[in-house]
Protein backbone atom coordinates (compact mmCIF):
# COMPACT_ATOMS: atom_id res chain seq x y z
CA MET A 1 -5.62 -16.70 -1.64
CA SER A 2 -2.57 -15.03 -0.17
CA PHE A 3 0.90 -14.74 -1.69
CA VAL A 4 2.45 -16.47 1.32
CA GLN A 5 0.19 -19.51 1.36
CA LEU A 6 1.72 -22.72 0.07
CA GLU A 7 -1.29 -23.04 -2.24
CA PHE A 8 -0.15 -19.93 -4.05
CA VAL A 9 3.17 -21.54 -4.99
CA ALA A 10 1.29 -24.40 -6.69
CA PHE A 11 -1.17 -21.95 -8.24
CA LEU A 12 1.61 -19.78 -9.68
CA ALA A 13 3.52 -22.77 -11.05
CA ALA A 14 0.38 -24.00 -12.84
CA VAL A 15 -0.37 -20.51 -14.18
CA LEU A 16 3.14 -20.07 -15.55
CA ALA A 17 3.14 -23.50 -17.19
CA VAL A 18 -0.20 -22.99 -18.95
CA TYR A 19 0.26 -19.29 -19.71
CA TRP A 20 3.57 -19.59 -21.55
CA GLY A 21 2.25 -22.62 -23.44
CA LEU A 22 -0.68 -20.72 -24.98
CA PRO A 23 -0.33 -19.78 -28.67
CA SER A 24 -1.34 -16.11 -28.62
CA ARG A 25 -1.71 -12.99 -26.52
CA ARG A 26 -5.51 -13.24 -26.80
CA TRP A 27 -5.56 -16.68 -25.17
CA GLN A 28 -2.99 -15.59 -22.58
CA ASN A 29 -5.12 -12.63 -21.52
CA LEU A 30 -8.29 -14.71 -21.33
CA PHE A 31 -6.48 -17.32 -19.26
CA LEU A 32 -5.13 -14.66 -16.86
CA VAL A 33 -8.65 -13.25 -16.39
CA CYS A 34 -9.86 -16.74 -15.42
CA ALA A 35 -6.84 -17.35 -13.18
CA SER A 36 -7.38 -13.99 -11.49
CA ALA A 37 -11.01 -14.92 -10.81
CA VAL A 38 -9.87 -18.16 -9.14
CA PHE A 39 -7.26 -16.29 -7.11
CA TYR A 40 -9.64 -13.55 -5.92
CA GLY A 41 -12.67 -15.77 -5.35
CA TRP A 42 -10.72 -18.56 -3.61
CA ILE A 43 -12.34 -17.96 -0.20
CA HIS A 44 -15.31 -15.69 -0.97
CA PRO A 45 -16.53 -16.16 -4.57
CA TRP A 46 -19.21 -13.49 -4.13
CA PHE A 47 -16.45 -10.86 -3.97
CA LEU A 48 -16.21 -11.35 -7.73
CA LEU A 49 -19.65 -9.75 -8.16
CA LEU A 50 -18.36 -6.46 -6.77
CA LEU A 51 -15.13 -6.64 -8.74
CA TYR A 52 -16.78 -7.26 -12.08
CA GLY A 53 -19.65 -4.91 -11.25
CA SER A 54 -17.17 -2.07 -10.84
CA ALA A 55 -15.36 -3.17 -14.02
CA VAL A 56 -18.54 -3.30 -16.12
CA LEU A 57 -19.69 0.07 -14.80
CA ASP A 58 -16.56 1.95 -15.86
CA PHE A 59 -16.11 0.03 -19.12
CA SER A 60 -19.66 1.02 -20.11
CA LEU A 61 -19.20 4.63 -19.04
CA ALA A 62 -16.03 4.91 -21.12
CA GLN A 63 -17.98 3.66 -24.14
CA VAL A 64 -20.63 6.30 -23.52
CA ILE A 65 -17.91 8.97 -23.38
CA ARG A 66 -16.48 7.66 -26.65
CA TYR A 67 -19.77 8.09 -28.52
CA ARG A 68 -21.20 10.99 -26.48
CA PRO A 69 -18.24 13.23 -25.55
CA ALA A 70 -20.57 15.94 -24.26
CA TRP A 71 -21.68 13.56 -21.50
CA ARG A 72 -18.17 12.83 -20.28
CA TRP A 73 -18.35 14.66 -16.96
CA ARG A 74 -21.76 13.17 -16.22
CA CYS A 75 -20.21 9.76 -16.77
CA VAL A 76 -17.34 10.66 -14.46
CA ALA A 77 -19.89 11.67 -11.81
CA VAL A 78 -21.69 8.33 -12.21
CA SER A 79 -18.36 6.48 -11.91
CA VAL A 80 -17.33 8.38 -8.79
CA VAL A 81 -20.73 8.01 -7.12
CA GLY A 82 -21.03 4.34 -8.07
CA ASN A 83 -17.58 3.27 -6.96
CA LEU A 84 -17.47 5.40 -3.83
CA SER A 85 -20.92 4.14 -2.84
CA VAL A 86 -19.61 0.58 -2.92
CA LEU A 87 -16.55 1.66 -0.97
CA ALA A 88 -18.62 3.65 1.53
CA TYR A 89 -21.08 0.84 2.19
CA PHE A 90 -18.66 -2.04 2.60
CA LYS A 91 -15.85 -0.14 4.28
CA TYR A 92 -17.44 2.73 6.20
CA ALA A 93 -21.09 1.88 6.93
CA ASP A 94 -20.31 0.28 10.30
CA PHE A 95 -18.07 3.23 11.18
CA PHE A 96 -20.80 5.79 10.57
CA VAL A 97 -23.51 3.73 12.26
CA GLY A 98 -21.31 3.25 15.31
CA ASN A 99 -20.51 6.95 15.54
CA VAL A 100 -24.16 8.00 15.13
CA VAL A 101 -25.15 5.62 17.92
CA ALA A 102 -22.38 6.99 20.14
CA ALA A 103 -23.42 10.59 19.41
CA LEU A 104 -27.08 9.86 20.19
CA SER A 105 -26.13 8.09 23.41
CA ALA A 106 -24.04 11.11 24.43
CA LEU A 107 -27.11 13.30 23.89
CA GLY A 108 -29.21 10.97 26.00
CA VAL A 109 -31.24 9.64 23.07
CA PRO A 110 -32.01 5.95 23.62
CA GLY A 111 -31.53 3.56 20.76
CA ASP A 112 -30.83 -0.06 20.09
CA PHE A 113 -29.04 0.41 16.78
CA THR A 114 -26.19 -1.97 16.13
CA THR A 115 -23.50 -2.07 13.51
CA LEU A 116 -24.22 -4.09 10.38
CA GLY A 117 -21.24 -6.43 10.68
CA ILE A 118 -20.36 -6.02 7.00
CA LEU A 119 -17.51 -8.12 5.65
CA LEU A 120 -14.97 -5.95 3.83
CA PRO A 121 -14.06 -7.37 0.39
CA VAL A 122 -10.28 -7.39 0.12
CA GLY A 123 -8.84 -5.08 -2.50
CA VAL A 124 -11.98 -2.96 -2.90
CA SER A 125 -10.05 0.22 -2.05
CA PHE A 126 -7.56 -0.56 -4.81
CA TYR A 127 -9.60 -1.76 -7.78
CA THR A 128 -12.26 0.96 -7.41
CA PHE A 129 -9.48 3.55 -7.75
CA GLN A 130 -8.21 1.81 -10.88
CA THR A 131 -11.62 1.70 -12.56
CA MET A 132 -12.41 5.31 -11.63
CA GLY A 133 -9.02 6.41 -12.90
CA TYR A 134 -9.74 4.70 -16.24
CA THR A 135 -13.02 6.61 -16.72
CA ILE A 136 -11.46 9.92 -15.66
CA ASP A 137 -8.52 9.46 -18.06
CA VAL A 138 -10.94 8.74 -20.93
CA ALA A 139 -13.00 11.81 -20.02
CA ARG A 140 -9.88 13.99 -19.95
CA GLY A 141 -8.85 12.75 -23.37
CA GLU A 142 -5.67 11.20 -21.98
CA LEU A 143 -6.74 7.66 -22.86
CA GLN A 144 -8.82 6.07 -25.61
CA ALA A 145 -11.77 3.96 -24.49
CA ARG A 146 -11.07 0.27 -25.04
CA GLU A 147 -13.42 -1.99 -27.01
CA ASP A 148 -11.95 -5.32 -25.88
CA PHE A 149 -13.53 -6.19 -22.56
CA VAL A 150 -11.17 -9.11 -21.93
CA ASP A 151 -8.11 -6.84 -22.04
CA TYR A 152 -9.87 -4.30 -19.85
CA ALA A 153 -11.02 -7.00 -17.38
CA LEU A 154 -7.43 -8.16 -17.06
CA TYR A 155 -6.35 -4.59 -16.29
CA VAL A 156 -8.90 -4.44 -13.46
CA SER A 157 -8.51 -7.97 -12.06
CA PHE A 158 -4.86 -8.91 -12.70
CA PHE A 159 -4.20 -11.15 -9.70
CA THR A 160 -0.63 -10.03 -9.05
CA GLN A 161 -1.70 -6.55 -7.93
CA LEU A 162 -5.44 -6.91 -7.39
CA VAL A 163 -5.59 -7.15 -3.60
CA ALA A 164 -3.15 -4.46 -2.41
CA GLY A 165 -1.70 -2.72 -5.42
CA PRO A 166 0.30 -1.08 -6.78
CA ILE A 167 -2.61 1.01 -8.07
CA GLU A 168 -1.94 0.81 -11.79
CA ARG A 169 -2.87 3.49 -14.31
CA ALA A 170 -4.72 2.29 -17.38
CA GLY A 171 -2.34 4.25 -19.60
CA ARG A 172 0.56 2.23 -18.24
CA LEU A 173 -0.78 -1.30 -17.82
CA LEU A 174 -3.26 -1.59 -20.71
CA PRO A 175 -0.60 -1.11 -23.44
CA GLN A 176 1.36 -4.00 -21.88
CA ILE A 177 -1.77 -6.16 -21.88
CA GLU A 178 -2.40 -5.30 -25.54
CA THR A 179 1.17 -6.12 -26.61
CA ASP A 180 2.46 -9.59 -27.51
CA ARG A 181 4.67 -11.10 -24.83
CA ALA A 182 7.42 -13.65 -25.28
CA PHE A 183 8.99 -15.82 -22.61
CA SER A 184 12.25 -14.42 -21.25
CA LEU A 185 14.64 -16.34 -19.05
CA GLU A 186 16.01 -13.04 -17.76
CA GLY A 187 12.49 -11.86 -16.91
CA LEU A 188 11.80 -15.10 -15.07
CA ARG A 189 15.06 -14.83 -13.15
CA ALA A 190 14.46 -11.19 -12.19
CA GLY A 191 10.88 -11.96 -11.18
CA VAL A 192 11.86 -14.91 -8.99
CA ALA A 193 14.56 -12.84 -7.28
CA LEU A 194 12.15 -9.99 -6.51
CA ALA A 195 9.32 -12.28 -5.36
CA LEU A 196 11.59 -14.29 -3.06
CA TRP A 197 12.93 -11.13 -1.47
CA GLY A 198 9.37 -9.92 -0.93
CA GLY A 199 8.42 -13.23 0.67
CA PHE A 200 11.44 -13.00 2.96
CA LYS A 201 10.48 -9.50 4.11
CA LYS A 202 6.95 -10.64 4.87
CA LEU A 203 7.55 -14.05 6.50
CA VAL A 204 10.86 -13.43 8.25
CA VAL A 205 10.88 -9.71 9.11
CA ALA A 206 7.25 -8.52 9.32
CA ASP A 207 5.69 -11.67 10.76
CA SER A 208 8.48 -12.01 13.35
CA LEU A 209 7.91 -8.47 14.60
CA ALA A 210 4.10 -8.61 14.58
CA PRO A 211 3.65 -10.70 17.77
CA TYR A 212 5.98 -8.42 19.77
CA VAL A 213 4.16 -5.31 18.57
CA ASP A 214 0.74 -6.83 19.25
CA LYS A 215 1.70 -7.81 22.79
CA VAL A 216 2.65 -4.21 23.62
CA PHE A 217 -0.47 -2.64 22.14
CA VAL A 218 -2.84 -4.96 24.00
CA LEU A 219 -1.36 -3.93 27.36
CA GLU A 220 -3.72 -1.78 29.39
CA GLN A 221 -1.08 0.81 30.31
CA PRO A 222 2.23 0.17 28.54
CA ALA A 223 5.20 2.16 29.77
CA GLY A 224 6.64 4.97 27.66
CA PRO A 225 9.80 3.08 26.59
CA LEU A 226 7.71 0.10 25.48
CA ILE A 227 5.31 2.30 23.51
CA TRP A 228 8.05 3.91 21.45
CA ALA A 229 10.01 0.70 21.01
CA ALA A 230 6.83 -0.97 19.71
CA SER A 231 6.16 2.01 17.42
CA PHE A 232 9.66 1.65 15.98
CA ALA A 233 9.13 -2.10 15.53
CA PHE A 234 5.77 -1.45 13.84
CA MET A 235 7.38 1.07 11.48
CA ILE A 236 9.76 -1.67 10.30
CA GLN A 237 6.99 -4.28 10.32
CA ILE A 238 4.59 -2.38 8.10
CA TYR A 239 7.36 -1.43 5.69
CA ALA A 240 8.53 -5.05 5.39
CA ASP A 241 4.93 -6.26 5.13
CA PHE A 242 3.64 -3.83 2.49
CA SER A 243 6.81 -3.49 0.44
CA GLY A 244 7.14 -7.28 0.67
CA TYR A 245 3.68 -7.67 -0.87
CA THR A 246 4.59 -5.19 -3.60
CA ASP A 247 7.83 -7.04 -4.37
CA ILE A 248 5.95 -10.33 -4.72
CA ALA A 249 3.35 -8.62 -6.92
CA ARG A 250 5.96 -7.01 -9.17
CA GLY A 251 8.09 -10.15 -9.27
CA THR A 252 5.15 -12.39 -10.18
CA ALA A 253 4.03 -9.95 -12.87
CA ARG A 254 7.57 -9.87 -14.26
CA MET A 255 7.51 -13.68 -14.62
CA LEU A 256 4.40 -13.21 -16.77
CA GLY A 257 5.98 -10.52 -18.94
CA PHE A 258 4.55 -7.41 -17.23
CA GLU A 259 6.28 -4.58 -15.42
CA LEU A 260 4.25 -3.05 -12.59
CA THR A 261 4.91 0.41 -11.24
CA LEU A 262 7.45 0.93 -8.46
CA ASN A 263 5.64 1.52 -5.17
CA PHE A 264 8.51 2.05 -2.70
CA ARG A 265 11.80 3.87 -3.16
CA GLU A 266 13.85 3.90 0.04
CA PRO A 267 11.19 5.78 2.08
CA PHE A 268 13.26 5.90 5.28
CA LEU A 269 15.81 8.11 3.53
CA ALA A 270 13.25 10.90 3.08
CA LYS A 271 14.32 14.30 4.42
CA THR A 272 10.81 15.80 4.44
CA THR A 273 7.24 14.56 4.62
CA VAL A 274 6.73 15.67 1.02
CA GLU A 275 9.64 13.48 -0.03
CA PHE A 276 8.39 10.62 2.14
CA TRP A 277 5.14 10.43 0.16
CA GLN A 278 7.17 10.52 -3.04
CA ARG A 279 8.86 7.33 -1.82
CA TRP A 280 6.13 5.49 0.14
CA HIS A 281 3.08 3.88 -1.52
CA MET A 282 3.88 5.98 -4.55
CA SER A 283 1.00 4.65 -6.65
CA LEU A 284 -1.54 5.93 -4.08
CA SER A 285 0.11 9.31 -3.50
CA THR A 286 0.43 10.05 -7.24
CA TRP A 287 -3.16 8.87 -7.84
CA LEU A 288 -4.49 11.26 -5.21
CA ARG A 289 -2.24 14.06 -6.48
CA ASP A 290 -3.59 13.72 -10.02
CA TYR A 291 -7.25 12.93 -9.33
CA LEU A 292 -7.97 14.71 -6.04
CA LEU A 293 -5.42 17.36 -5.11
CA GLY A 294 -5.22 18.71 -8.67
CA PRO A 295 -8.98 19.33 -8.97
CA LEU A 296 -9.11 20.81 -5.45
CA VAL A 297 -6.34 23.28 -6.32
CA GLY A 298 -7.82 24.11 -9.72
CA GLU A 299 -6.42 24.31 -13.22
CA GLY A 300 -5.18 27.86 -12.91
CA GLY A 301 -3.30 27.18 -9.70
CA ALA A 302 -4.24 28.58 -6.32
CA GLY A 303 -3.08 30.88 -3.59
CA ARG A 304 -1.06 29.57 -0.69
CA VAL A 305 -4.03 29.32 1.64
CA ARG A 306 -6.15 27.35 -0.81
CA PHE A 307 -3.23 25.10 -1.69
CA ALA A 308 -2.54 24.44 2.01
CA LEU A 309 -6.21 23.64 2.71
CA ALA A 310 -6.41 21.38 -0.33
CA THR A 311 -3.25 19.58 0.77
CA VAL A 312 -4.49 19.01 4.31
CA ALA A 313 -7.90 17.85 3.01
CA THR A 314 -6.21 15.41 0.63
CA PHE A 315 -4.10 13.90 3.40
CA VAL A 316 -7.08 13.60 5.73
CA LEU A 317 -8.75 11.57 2.98
CA VAL A 318 -5.50 9.58 2.56
CA GLY A 319 -5.72 8.70 6.23
CA PHE A 320 -9.42 7.84 6.07
CA TRP A 321 -8.81 5.70 2.96
CA HIS A 322 -6.69 3.43 5.16
CA GLY A 323 -9.58 2.47 7.36
CA PRO A 324 -12.81 3.46 9.14
CA HIS A 325 -11.18 4.61 12.38
CA TRP A 326 -10.51 8.05 13.79
CA ASN A 327 -6.83 7.33 14.30
CA PHE A 328 -6.40 7.21 10.52
CA VAL A 329 -8.02 10.63 10.22
CA VAL A 330 -5.57 11.94 12.84
CA PHE A 331 -2.72 10.23 10.96
CA GLY A 332 -3.75 11.96 7.72
CA LEU A 333 -4.16 15.33 9.42
CA PHE A 334 -0.73 14.96 11.03
CA HIS A 335 0.93 14.29 7.69
CA GLY A 336 -1.04 16.98 5.87
CA VAL A 337 -0.02 19.66 8.34
CA LEU A 338 3.60 18.50 8.14
CA VAL A 339 3.59 18.59 4.33
CA VAL A 340 2.43 22.22 4.49
CA ALA A 341 4.92 23.01 7.27
CA TYR A 342 7.83 21.52 5.35
CA GLY A 343 6.86 23.72 2.43
CA VAL A 344 6.82 26.90 4.54
CA VAL A 345 9.31 26.58 7.42
CA PRO A 346 12.54 26.00 5.40
CA ARG A 347 11.98 29.30 3.59
CA LEU A 348 11.96 31.10 6.92
CA LEU A 349 15.27 29.64 8.09
CA PRO A 350 18.55 31.53 7.60
CA ARG A 351 20.52 30.48 4.55
CA GLY A 352 23.39 29.22 6.69
CA VAL A 353 21.07 26.84 8.52
CA ARG A 354 19.59 25.53 5.25
CA GLU A 355 23.07 24.83 3.86
CA LEU A 356 24.47 23.35 7.08
CA ARG A 357 27.07 20.63 6.47
CA GLY A 358 25.55 17.27 7.22
CA GLY A 359 22.11 18.85 7.16
CA SER A 360 20.71 16.09 4.94
CA VAL A 361 21.69 13.42 7.45
CA LEU A 362 20.16 15.45 10.28
CA ALA A 363 16.99 16.00 8.23
CA VAL A 364 16.65 12.27 7.54
CA GLY A 365 17.24 11.45 11.20
CA PHE A 366 14.74 14.04 12.42
CA HIS A 367 12.06 12.94 9.97
CA LEU A 368 12.56 9.27 10.77
CA GLY A 369 12.64 9.86 14.52
CA PHE A 370 9.80 12.35 14.78
CA VAL A 371 7.45 11.95 11.83
CA GLY A 372 8.12 8.24 11.34
CA LEU A 373 7.74 7.19 14.96
CA VAL A 374 4.79 9.43 15.83
CA GLY A 375 3.05 8.58 12.56
CA SER A 376 3.57 4.86 13.16
CA LEU A 377 2.04 5.15 16.63
CA MET A 378 -0.96 7.01 15.19
CA PHE A 379 -1.35 4.37 12.50
CA ARG A 380 -1.15 1.39 14.88
CA GLU A 381 -3.25 2.53 17.85
CA ARG A 382 -6.93 2.48 16.80
CA ARG A 383 -8.47 3.98 19.97
CA LEU A 384 -8.12 7.75 20.27
CA ASP A 385 -8.19 7.75 24.08
CA ARG A 386 -5.31 5.28 24.20
CA LEU A 387 -3.45 7.19 21.47
CA ILE A 388 -3.65 10.39 23.54
CA SER A 389 -2.51 8.45 26.61
CA HIS A 390 0.49 7.02 24.71
CA LEU A 391 1.50 10.43 23.37
CA THR A 392 1.36 11.99 26.83
CA THR A 393 3.16 9.18 28.66
CA VAL A 394 6.69 10.05 29.76
CA PRO A 395 8.92 8.28 27.18
CA TRP A 396 11.67 7.26 29.60
CA GLN A 397 9.59 6.34 32.65
CA GLY A 398 9.32 2.60 33.30
CA SER A 399 10.18 -0.13 35.73
CA LEU A 400 13.30 -2.29 35.45
CA ASP A 401 11.26 -5.13 33.92
CA GLU A 402 9.68 -2.76 31.41
CA TRP A 403 13.06 -1.43 30.38
CA ALA A 404 14.32 -5.01 30.03
CA ALA A 405 11.36 -5.82 27.76
CA THR A 406 12.08 -2.64 25.79
CA MET A 407 15.68 -3.67 25.22
CA VAL A 408 14.57 -7.12 24.06
CA LEU A 409 12.15 -5.58 21.57
CA LEU A 410 14.75 -3.11 20.27
CA THR A 411 17.32 -5.92 19.96
CA VAL A 412 14.92 -8.10 17.97
CA THR A 413 13.95 -5.17 15.75
CA GLY A 414 17.58 -4.22 15.19
CA ALA A 415 18.51 -7.80 14.32
CA LEU A 416 15.68 -8.01 11.77
CA CYS A 417 16.78 -4.70 10.24
CA VAL A 418 20.20 -6.21 9.45
CA PRO A 419 19.07 -8.21 6.37
CA LEU A 420 17.18 -5.16 5.08
CA LEU A 421 20.29 -2.99 5.38
CA LEU A 422 22.50 -5.74 3.97
CA GLN A 423 20.27 -6.16 0.93
CA TRP A 424 20.31 -2.40 0.32
CA VAL A 425 24.11 -2.37 0.40
CA LEU A 426 24.33 -5.41 -1.89
CA VAL A 427 21.92 -3.97 -4.46
CA THR A 428 23.23 -0.42 -4.49
CA ARG A 429 26.96 -0.95 -3.87
CA VAL A 430 28.03 -4.54 -4.50
CA ALA A 431 25.85 -5.94 -7.33
CA PRO A 432 26.87 -3.30 -9.91
CA ARG A 433 30.52 -4.33 -9.38
CA VAL A 434 30.01 -8.11 -9.55
CA PRO A 435 31.40 -9.62 -12.81
CA GLU A 436 28.69 -11.16 -15.03
CA PRO A 437 29.97 -14.78 -14.71
CA TRP A 438 29.60 -14.55 -10.92
CA LEU A 439 26.17 -12.90 -10.93
CA LEU A 440 23.99 -15.99 -11.48
CA PRO A 441 25.81 -18.23 -8.93
CA ALA A 442 25.62 -15.45 -6.34
CA GLN A 443 21.94 -14.90 -7.10
CA THR A 444 20.96 -18.56 -6.93
CA THR A 445 22.86 -18.93 -3.67
CA SER A 446 20.89 -16.00 -2.24
CA TRP A 447 17.66 -17.65 -3.43
CA ALA A 448 18.53 -20.82 -1.53
CA LEU A 449 19.21 -18.81 1.63
CA LEU A 450 15.95 -16.88 1.30
CA VAL A 451 13.90 -20.04 0.77
CA ALA A 452 15.57 -21.73 3.74
CA ALA A 453 14.86 -18.71 5.95
CA MET A 454 11.23 -18.57 4.84
CA PHE A 455 10.67 -22.25 5.61
CA LEU A 456 12.38 -21.79 8.96
CA PHE A 457 10.16 -18.84 9.93
CA TYR A 458 6.95 -20.07 8.25
CA ARG A 459 3.98 -20.32 10.62
CA THR A 460 0.83 -22.36 10.21
CA THR A 461 -1.08 -19.37 11.65
CA LEU A 462 -0.08 -16.86 8.99
CA GLN A 463 -0.39 -13.14 9.58
CA ASP A 464 -2.43 -11.46 6.84
CA PHE A 465 -0.74 -8.69 4.93
CA VAL A 466 -1.46 -5.46 6.83
CA TYR A 467 -2.92 -3.72 3.78
CA PHE A 468 -5.50 -6.46 3.21
CA GLN A 469 -7.68 -4.65 5.75
CA PHE A 470 -7.60 -1.43 3.73
């Protein structure tokens, strides 16, 4: 089930009605576990076997650590191997088989191997990270192993963030699950507002841009202006799509009395690539910082060379986590090198250049124009040969018709950016100054406008959320 299906509206209404009518936290948690199973197994019930298999594995390992502390790192190894094996098989097996066949063919070795055609279970990249993180936190002594499997199962399978995050830490979400929750009209109001805004970003902004972007990237030889206009449109599309999902997830959780972690914080205002990853998909970047980069660097710190290599390796894995395609590896390498460069180059610049008036605006513009656009192109174009062709195509060379198409695409993208910019101004500048008596009427009016826009732009052939494929 998807957040933007009409069935989800009925599902959520039923969940809220039953959930807030239950007499205790224990019954609420059990009900949410069952509701999450319905939500996740709506199309493919067998996906639940993998979900609960991963959950049982790490719950059991944490219990072993509790009673046999000396075995804690062995248990962590079992957790990592078990979860990553599931991830590797379902997400990367076809990738490796395809590349082995291609390598053998290049060497002249005949073979009739074919890919396995494995169906990727949605959310597997997210919930395996959550279960592994739980075991690692218990092994580190940062978290106490839980005895209540229902509470733990809700942490793993909570439907609001199960499919595409945010990747929740056990130390943050489990205490909320274990605490009594009371209905709050303010919580419901805040949750509805956030979820409606997320739905607007997905249905109106992202899904309106997607067909334009797709049409450019299926062209055999798109002109330079079209390539970069489509890359800009995709940059806005994927932000509206993924942050829209996160807003719906956080808003829905808020209606149920939970507060999920913030996953996006104005990423297009980043001045450096380091700052960008502190603002974009924050739950993933902090997870990898704490559970991958930290161990690679070592407890006692590391020299600059080791730190740089560990950083680049981490970002290559970040890229590969997004999908079994070489363009994601290139995307990760690109960002890893830039993170290292942004840590080194500014120190080499003269002080006057570093303190240049308006330098922050220039830094934001440069990062958005160079890193954002190039990175978006790398992320969208799956074939390496086409990616190289796009990067080497003259950006301004195109026919009159191609330039006309470019202007249409830029106009559409610019028009769809207007509500995003307007909402940012309203939230950061206007809302704090609105008198309390006017706040609710203004908010409900905005809800009506958002719902009307979503119904106007709603398509029977819905676009999946981009991150469902990861």
